[in-house]
Every structure is written in C-alpha cells, then in structure tokens.
C-alpha atoms as a PDB file:
ATOM      1  CA  MET A   1     -24.704  22.021 -35.369  1.00  0.00           C
ATOM      2  CA  SER A   2     -23.580  21.412 -31.786  1.00  0.00           C
ATOM      3  CA  THR A   3     -21.415  18.509 -30.957  1.00  0.00           C
ATOM      4  CA  PRO A   4     -22.432  16.029 -28.247  1.00  0.00           C
ATOM      5  CA  SER A   5     -19.590  17.157 -25.987  1.00  0.00           C
ATOM      6  CA  SER A   6     -20.680  20.816 -26.124  1.00  0.00           C
ATOM      7  CA  ILE A   7     -24.214  19.759 -25.204  1.00  0.00           C
ATOM      8  CA  LEU A   8     -22.853  17.842 -22.226  1.00  0.00           C
ATOM      9  CA  VAL A   9     -20.808  20.858 -21.159  1.00  0.00           C
ATOM     10  CA  LEU A  10     -23.893  23.068 -21.422  1.00  0.00           C
ATOM     11  CA  ILE A  11     -25.977  20.599 -19.399  1.00  0.00           C
ATOM     12  CA  SER A  12     -23.243  20.395 -16.761  1.00  0.00           C
ATOM     13  CA  LEU A  13     -23.011  24.176 -16.584  1.00  0.00           C
ATOM     14  CA  VAL A  14     -26.778  24.577 -16.180  1.00  0.00           C
ATOM     15  CA  SER A  15     -26.793  21.872 -13.505  1.00  0.00           C
ATOM     16  CA  ALA A  16     -23.967  23.550 -11.587  1.00  0.00           C
ATOM     17  CA  ILE A  17     -25.671  26.959 -11.705  1.00  0.00           C
ATOM     18  CA  SER A  18     -28.948  25.381 -10.552  1.00  0.00           C
ATOM     19  CA  ALA A  19     -27.184  23.679  -7.642  1.00  0.00           C
ATOM     20  CA  VAL A  20     -25.573  26.972  -6.560  1.00  0.00           C
ATOM     21  CA  VAL A  21     -28.892  28.840  -6.748  1.00  0.00           C
ATOM     22  CA  VAL A  22     -30.688  26.144  -4.730  1.00  0.00           C
ATOM     23  CA  SER A  23     -27.902  26.199  -2.125  1.00  0.00           C
ATOM     24  CA  ILE A  24     -28.117  29.988  -1.783  1.00  0.00           C
ATOM     25  CA  VAL A  25     -31.909  29.967  -1.463  1.00  0.00           C
ATOM     26  CA  THR A  26     -31.744  27.173   1.128  1.00  0.00           C
ATOM     27  CA  ALA A  27     -29.101  29.022   3.154  1.00  0.00           C
ATOM     28  CA  MET A  28     -31.149  32.232   3.080  1.00  0.00           C
ATOM     29  CA  ALA A  29     -34.292  30.427   4.218  1.00  0.00           C
ATOM     30  CA  SER A  30     -32.409  28.666   6.994  1.00  0.00           C
ATOM     31  CA  ASN A  31     -30.880  31.954   8.163  1.00  0.00           C
ATOM     32  CA  ARG A  32     -34.300  33.624   8.143  1.00  0.00           C
ATOM     33  CA  ASN A  33     -35.808  30.822  10.237  1.00  0.00           C
ATOM     34  CA  ASN A  34     -32.879  31.002  12.649  1.00  0.00           C
ATOM     35  CA  ILE A  35     -33.416  34.746  13.133  1.00  0.00           C
ATOM     36  CA  ILE A  36     -37.140  34.189  13.747  1.00  0.00           C
ATOM     37  CA  LEU A  37     -36.401  31.517  16.368  1.00  0.00           C
ATOM     38  CA  GLN A  38     -33.796  33.692  18.106  1.00  0.00           C
ATOM     39  CA  THR A  39     -36.218  36.632  18.205  1.00  0.00           C
ATOM     40  CA  ARG A  40     -38.955  34.406  19.618  1.00  0.00           C
ATOM     41  CA  LYS A  41     -36.591  33.152  22.342  1.00  0.00           C
ATOM     42  CA  LEU A  42     -35.520  36.719  23.155  1.00  0.00           C
ATOM     43  CA  LYS A  43     -39.150  37.801  23.475  1.00  0.00           C
ATOM     44  CA  GLU A  44     -39.891  34.834  25.714  1.00  0.00           C
ATOM     45  CA  ASP A  45     -36.948  35.700  27.978  1.00  0.00           C
ATOM     46  CA  HIS A  46     -38.064  39.331  28.238  1.00  0.00           C
ATOM     47  CA  TYR A  47     -41.667  38.390  29.020  1.00  0.00           C
ATOM     48  CA  VAL A  48     -40.583  35.877  31.674  1.00  0.00           C
ATOM     49  CA  SER A  49     -38.269  38.396  33.362  1.00  0.00           C
ATOM     50  CA  PHE A  50     -41.081  40.979  33.279  1.00  0.00           C
ATOM     51  CA  ILE A  51     -43.564  38.590  34.905  1.00  0.00           C
ATOM     52  CA  GLU A  52     -41.003  37.696  37.591  1.00  0.00           C
ATOM     53  CA  ALA A  53     -40.285  41.371  38.261  1.00  0.00           C
ATOM     54  CA  LEU A  54     -43.996  42.185  38.323  1.00  0.00           C
ATOM     55  CA  HIS A  55     -44.555  39.397  40.825  1.00  0.00           C
ATOM     56  CA  ASP A  56     -41.759  40.660  43.081  1.00  0.00           C
ATOM     57  CA  PHE A  57     -42.961  44.239  42.723  1.00  0.00           C
ATOM     58  CA  ALA A  58     -46.560  43.315  43.564  1.00  0.00           C
ATOM     59  CA  ALA A  59     -45.390  41.390  46.616  1.00  0.00           C
ATOM     60  CA  ALA A  60     -43.216  44.230  47.937  1.00  0.00           C
ATOM     61  CA  ASN A  61     -43.852  47.481  46.108  1.00  0.00           C
ATOM     62  CA  THR A  62     -41.967  49.510  48.712  1.00  0.00           C
ATOM     63  CA  ASN A  63     -38.754  47.540  48.171  1.00  0.00           C
ATOM     64  CA  ASN A  64     -36.361  49.640  46.070  1.00  0.00           C
ATOM     65  CA  GLU A  65     -34.731  46.557  44.567  1.00  0.00           C
ATOM     66  CA  ALA A  66     -38.123  45.220  43.423  1.00  0.00           C
ATOM     67  CA  VAL A  67     -38.942  48.613  41.898  1.00  0.00           C
ATOM     68  CA  LYS A  68     -35.594  48.663  40.048  1.00  0.00           C
ATOM     69  CA  LYS A  69     -36.078  45.135  38.710  1.00  0.00           C
ATOM     70  CA  PHE A  70     -39.619  45.935  37.590  1.00  0.00           C
ATOM     71  CA  THR A  71     -38.537  49.130  35.848  1.00  0.00           C
ATOM     72  CA  PHE A  72     -35.642  47.408  34.096  1.00  0.00           C
ATOM     73  CA  ALA A  73     -37.806  44.472  32.983  1.00  0.00           C
ATOM     74  CA  ARG A  74     -40.507  46.859  31.785  1.00  0.00           C
ATOM     75  CA  ASP A  75     -37.993  48.866  29.765  1.00  0.00           C
ATOM     76  CA  LYS A  76     -36.684  45.691  28.102  1.00  0.00           C
ATOM     77  CA  LEU A  77     -40.244  44.657  27.337  1.00  0.00           C
ATOM     78  CA  LEU A  78     -40.980  48.039  25.756  1.00  0.00           C
ATOM     79  CA  ILE A  79     -38.171  47.394  23.281  1.00  0.00           C
ATOM     80  CA  ILE A  80     -39.429  44.053  22.016  1.00  0.00           C
ATOM     81  CA  ALA A  81     -43.197  43.974  22.698  1.00  0.00           C
ATOM     82  CA  CYS A  82     -45.813  44.633  20.078  1.00  0.00           C
ATOM     83  CA  GLU A  83     -47.763  47.872  20.132  1.00  0.00           C
ATOM     84  CA  ASP A  84     -50.834  46.281  21.745  1.00  0.00           C
ATOM     85  CA  VAL A  85     -48.778  44.981  24.697  1.00  0.00           C
ATOM     86  CA  VAL A  86     -47.119  48.382  25.162  1.00  0.00           C
ATOM     87  CA  VAL A  87     -50.510  50.116  25.256  1.00  0.00           C
ATOM     88  CA  LYS A  88     -51.874  47.586  27.776  1.00  0.00           C
ATOM     89  CA  LEU A  89     -48.732  47.921  29.896  1.00  0.00           C
ATOM     90  CA  LEU A  90     -48.997  51.702  30.011  1.00  0.00           C
ATOM     91  CA  LEU A  91     -52.705  51.494  30.882  1.00  0.00           C
ATOM     92  CA  TYR A  92     -51.902  48.996  33.640  1.00  0.00           C
ATOM     93  CA  GLU A  93     -49.211  51.222  35.109  1.00  0.00           C
ATOM     94  CA  GLU A  94     -51.352  54.342  34.918  1.00  0.00           C
ATOM     95  CA  ALA A  95     -54.338  52.705  36.597  1.00  0.00           C
ATOM     96  CA  THR A  96     -52.642  50.584  39.249  1.00  0.00           C
ATOM     97  CA  LEU A  97     -49.065  51.416  40.206  1.00  0.00           C
ATOM     98  CA  GLY A  98     -48.848  53.315  43.454  1.00  0.00           C
ATOM     99  CA  LYS A  99     -52.610  53.344  43.821  1.00  0.00           C
ATOM    100  CA  SER A 100     -55.142  51.303  45.694  1.00  0.00           C
ATOM    101  CA  ASN A 101     -57.312  50.027  42.900  1.00  0.00           C
ATOM    102  CA  GLU A 102     -59.854  47.228  42.792  1.00  0.00           C
ATOM    103  CA  LEU A 103     -59.423  47.012  39.001  1.00  0.00           C
ATOM    104  CA  HIS A 104     -55.840  45.764  39.367  1.00  0.00           C
ATOM    105  CA  ASP A 105     -56.714  42.193  38.317  1.00  0.00           C
ATOM    106  CA  ALA A 106     -58.723  43.363  35.306  1.00  0.00           C
ATOM    107  CA  TYR A 107     -55.857  45.489  34.015  1.00  0.00           C
ATOM    108  CA  LEU A 108     -53.373  42.724  34.718  1.00  0.00           C
ATOM    109  CA  THR A 109     -55.522  40.247  32.807  1.00  0.00           C
ATOM    110  CA  GLU A 110     -55.654  42.628  29.834  1.00  0.00           C
ATOM    111  CA  LEU A 111     -51.888  43.024  29.985  1.00  0.00           C
END
C-alpha cells in the first residue's frame, strides 16, 4: 500500500508535468498567432506599395522610375498574393498595360 507521502509526490509530479505541457502548448499557440499577424502585416505592406506604384504608373506610364517601381511592387506582390490575385493581376496587365483600353477600370476593379 502506498504511503501518504508517495501519493503527494505523485500528485506533485503530475501537476508539474501538466504545468509544463500547458506552458508549451500556450507558447506554441502564441508563436503561431504571432506568425499569422506578421504575415498579415507583410501582405498589407506589399498591397499598399503595389497600389501606390500602380497609381504612379497610371499617372505617368512613360516615366521609367514609375515603371521600375510598378514592376518591383508587382514582383513583391506575386510572392505573397493568393493565386486568385495573381491571375487577376496577370489578366489586368495583359489587357491594359501599354494599350489604350476602355476596359481598364473593369480589370482594375477585378484586381
């Protein structure tokens, strides 16, 4: 038969293991949420820089600096955007860039 002190040791050991497991799970969940928030912020930054570059490019599409900024922002967006955005972006570029096109706004809205 177990003595009362061995039962207390067993209870203490189980409690300590439980506390360690809870701490590990909490740290993993916190790290996962932190990564999600950082990714969301990175996506937001890339989308904002793309919209700014697109604005500058649309205002002065013969300006080499505007073309460079647009291309760089587009390339960054291609890295982080979802597949649907990439498809819409490629359709937009194919249908509008360097062309006189009355469907520009429709493609831009889709993008």
